[in-house]
């Protein structure tokens, strides 16, 4: 199954969670903080402006993005994989390099 987001929505696959802290301590599931980075897997056509024009999104499929801690309130499962659907404005930036 595929998902096609509408308008200025973006579908993101969250980066895998780290099971160990930087100091080498293994973290139990409840203590782990969910990462705020992910890969864009689908984008909508763009934001519909008041004058009827459509502004293309600044992100594209394959980009690694940084988003807010609470952006995962709209999660869904597609083929057993958990994905996040968010507005482009919920994305803080694109990681490059």
C-alpha atoms as a PDB file:
ATOM      1  CA  UNK A   1       0.000   0.000   0.000  1.00  0.00           C
ATOM      2  CA  UNK A   2       1.174   3.525  -0.762  1.00  0.00           C
ATOM      3  CA  UNK A   3       0.213   6.847   0.767  1.00  0.00           C
ATOM      4  CA  UNK A   4      -0.062  10.126  -1.127  1.00  0.00           C
ATOM      5  CA  UNK A   5      -0.216  13.106   1.219  1.00  0.00           C
ATOM      6  CA  UNK A   6      -2.390  16.062   0.279  1.00  0.00           C
ATOM      7  CA  UNK A   7      -1.407  19.718  -0.104  1.00  0.00           C
ATOM      8  CA  UNK A   8       1.513  20.695   2.174  1.00  0.00           C
ATOM      9  CA  UNK A   9       1.681  17.390   4.077  1.00  0.00           C
ATOM     10  CA  UNK A  10       4.843  15.266   4.293  1.00  0.00           C
ATOM     11  CA  UNK A  11       5.223  11.596   5.282  1.00  0.00           C
ATOM     12  CA  UNK A  12       8.375  10.831   7.299  1.00  0.00           C
ATOM     13  CA  UNK A  13       9.989   7.571   8.437  1.00  0.00           C
ATOM     14  CA  UNK A  14      11.585   8.203  11.848  1.00  0.00           C
ATOM     15  CA  UNK A  15      15.265   7.280  12.246  1.00  0.00           C
ATOM     16  CA  UNK A  16      15.904   4.143  14.270  1.00  0.00           C
ATOM     17  CA  UNK A  17      16.135   4.658  18.002  1.00  0.00           C
ATOM     18  CA  UNK A  18      19.470   4.234  19.730  1.00  0.00           C
ATOM     19  CA  UNK A  19      19.480   1.391  22.272  1.00  0.00           C
ATOM     20  CA  UNK A  20      22.557   2.684  24.096  1.00  0.00           C
ATOM     21  CA  UNK A  21      23.420   6.088  25.523  1.00  0.00           C
ATOM     22  CA  UNK A  22      26.581   7.977  24.539  1.00  0.00           C
ATOM     23  CA  UNK A  23      28.179   6.755  27.778  1.00  0.00           C
ATOM     24  CA  UNK A  24      27.480   3.109  26.905  1.00  0.00           C
ATOM     25  CA  UNK A  25      24.438   2.612  29.139  1.00  0.00           C
ATOM     26  CA  UNK A  26      21.706   0.414  27.661  1.00  0.00           C
ATOM     27  CA  UNK A  27      18.388   2.253  27.851  1.00  0.00           C
ATOM     28  CA  UNK A  28      15.127   0.407  28.497  1.00  0.00           C
ATOM     29  CA  UNK A  29      12.307   1.104  26.019  1.00  0.00           C
ATOM     30  CA  UNK A  30      10.426   3.537  28.255  1.00  0.00           C
ATOM     31  CA  UNK A  31      13.536   5.626  28.978  1.00  0.00           C
ATOM     32  CA  UNK A  32      14.478   6.130  25.355  1.00  0.00           C
ATOM     33  CA  UNK A  33      13.603   9.433  23.762  1.00  0.00           C
ATOM     34  CA  UNK A  34      12.261   9.134  20.232  1.00  0.00           C
ATOM     35  CA  UNK A  35      14.577  10.674  17.648  1.00  0.00           C
ATOM     36  CA  UNK A  36      13.459  13.922  16.036  1.00  0.00           C
ATOM     37  CA  UNK A  37      14.986  13.080  12.652  1.00  0.00           C
ATOM     38  CA  UNK A  38      13.669  11.063   9.773  1.00  0.00           C
ATOM     39  CA  UNK A  39      13.610  10.431   6.045  1.00  0.00           C
ATOM     40  CA  UNK A  40      10.926  11.936   3.828  1.00  0.00           C
ATOM     41  CA  UNK A  41       9.097   9.110   2.026  1.00  0.00           C
ATOM     42  CA  UNK A  42       6.281  11.077   0.339  1.00  0.00           C
ATOM     43  CA  UNK A  43       5.278  14.718  -0.208  1.00  0.00           C
ATOM     44  CA  UNK A  44       2.080  16.469  -1.234  1.00  0.00           C
ATOM     45  CA  UNK A  45       1.702  18.684  -4.295  1.00  0.00           C
ATOM     46  CA  UNK A  46       2.247  21.931  -2.386  1.00  0.00           C
ATOM     47  CA  UNK A  47       0.604  24.576  -0.251  1.00  0.00           C
ATOM     48  CA  UNK A  48      -2.537  26.150  -1.672  1.00  0.00           C
ATOM     49  CA  UNK A  49      -2.187  29.925  -1.377  1.00  0.00           C
ATOM     50  CA  UNK A  50      -5.045  32.403  -0.867  1.00  0.00           C
ATOM     51  CA  UNK A  51      -4.847  33.533  -4.513  1.00  0.00           C
ATOM     52  CA  UNK A  52      -5.306  29.958  -5.764  1.00  0.00           C
ATOM     53  CA  UNK A  53      -1.661  29.327  -6.695  1.00  0.00           C
ATOM     54  CA  UNK A  54       0.181  26.277  -5.391  1.00  0.00           C
ATOM     55  CA  UNK A  55       3.612  26.803  -3.784  1.00  0.00           C
ATOM     56  CA  UNK A  56       5.873  23.763  -4.174  1.00  0.00           C
ATOM     57  CA  UNK A  57       7.283  22.220  -1.000  1.00  0.00           C
ATOM     58  CA  UNK A  58      10.880  22.833   0.078  1.00  0.00           C
ATOM     59  CA  UNK A  59      11.501  19.168   0.917  1.00  0.00           C
ATOM     60  CA  UNK A  60      11.630  16.178  -1.405  1.00  0.00           C
ATOM     61  CA  UNK A  61      11.535  12.407  -1.085  1.00  0.00           C
ATOM     62  CA  UNK A  62      14.828  11.127   0.338  1.00  0.00           C
ATOM     63  CA  UNK A  63      15.652  14.260   2.372  1.00  0.00           C
ATOM     64  CA  UNK A  64      16.680  13.746   6.013  1.00  0.00           C
ATOM     65  CA  UNK A  65      14.735  16.235   8.095  1.00  0.00           C
ATOM     66  CA  UNK A  66      14.618  17.486  11.685  1.00  0.00           C
ATOM     67  CA  UNK A  67      11.192  17.997  13.229  1.00  0.00           C
ATOM     68  CA  UNK A  68       9.657  18.937  16.565  1.00  0.00           C
ATOM     69  CA  UNK A  69       9.339  16.549  19.479  1.00  0.00           C
ATOM     70  CA  UNK A  70       5.541  16.494  19.287  1.00  0.00           C
ATOM     71  CA  UNK A  71       5.232  16.149  15.512  1.00  0.00           C
ATOM     72  CA  UNK A  72       4.521  12.432  15.886  1.00  0.00           C
ATOM     73  CA  UNK A  73       0.934  12.933  17.023  1.00  0.00           C
ATOM     74  CA  UNK A  74      -0.206  11.843  13.539  1.00  0.00           C
ATOM     75  CA  UNK A  75       1.347   8.405  13.182  1.00  0.00           C
ATOM     76  CA  UNK A  76       0.039   5.665  10.938  1.00  0.00           C
ATOM     77  CA  UNK A  77       1.077   2.150   9.997  1.00  0.00           C
ATOM     78  CA  UNK A  78       1.595   1.289   6.342  1.00  0.00           C
ATOM     79  CA  UNK A  79       2.630  -2.303   5.573  1.00  0.00           C
ATOM     80  CA  UNK A  80       3.661  -2.752   9.228  1.00  0.00           C
ATOM     81  CA  UNK A  81       5.925   0.315   9.196  1.00  0.00           C
ATOM     82  CA  UNK A  82       5.190   3.282  11.464  1.00  0.00           C
ATOM     83  CA  UNK A  83       5.187   6.588   9.583  1.00  0.00           C
ATOM     84  CA  UNK A  84       4.508  10.171  10.630  1.00  0.00           C
ATOM     85  CA  UNK A  85       2.392  12.523   8.554  1.00  0.00           C
ATOM     86  CA  UNK A  86       2.979  16.212   9.273  1.00  0.00           C
ATOM     87  CA  UNK A  87       2.636  19.621   7.751  1.00  0.00           C
ATOM     88  CA  UNK A  88       5.746  21.030   6.078  1.00  0.00           C
ATOM     89  CA  UNK A  89       5.696  23.808   8.700  1.00  0.00           C
ATOM     90  CA  UNK A  90       6.367  21.159  11.411  1.00  0.00           C
ATOM     91  CA  UNK A  91       9.777  20.504   9.816  1.00  0.00           C
ATOM     92  CA  UNK A  92      12.590  22.640  11.242  1.00  0.00           C
ATOM     93  CA  UNK A  93      15.227  21.904   8.621  1.00  0.00           C
ATOM     94  CA  UNK A  94      16.906  19.539   6.158  1.00  0.00           C
ATOM     95  CA  UNK A  95      20.189  17.847   7.084  1.00  0.00           C
ATOM     96  CA  UNK A  96      22.732  18.136   4.260  1.00  0.00           C
ATOM     97  CA  UNK A  97      26.144  16.642   3.677  1.00  0.00           C
END
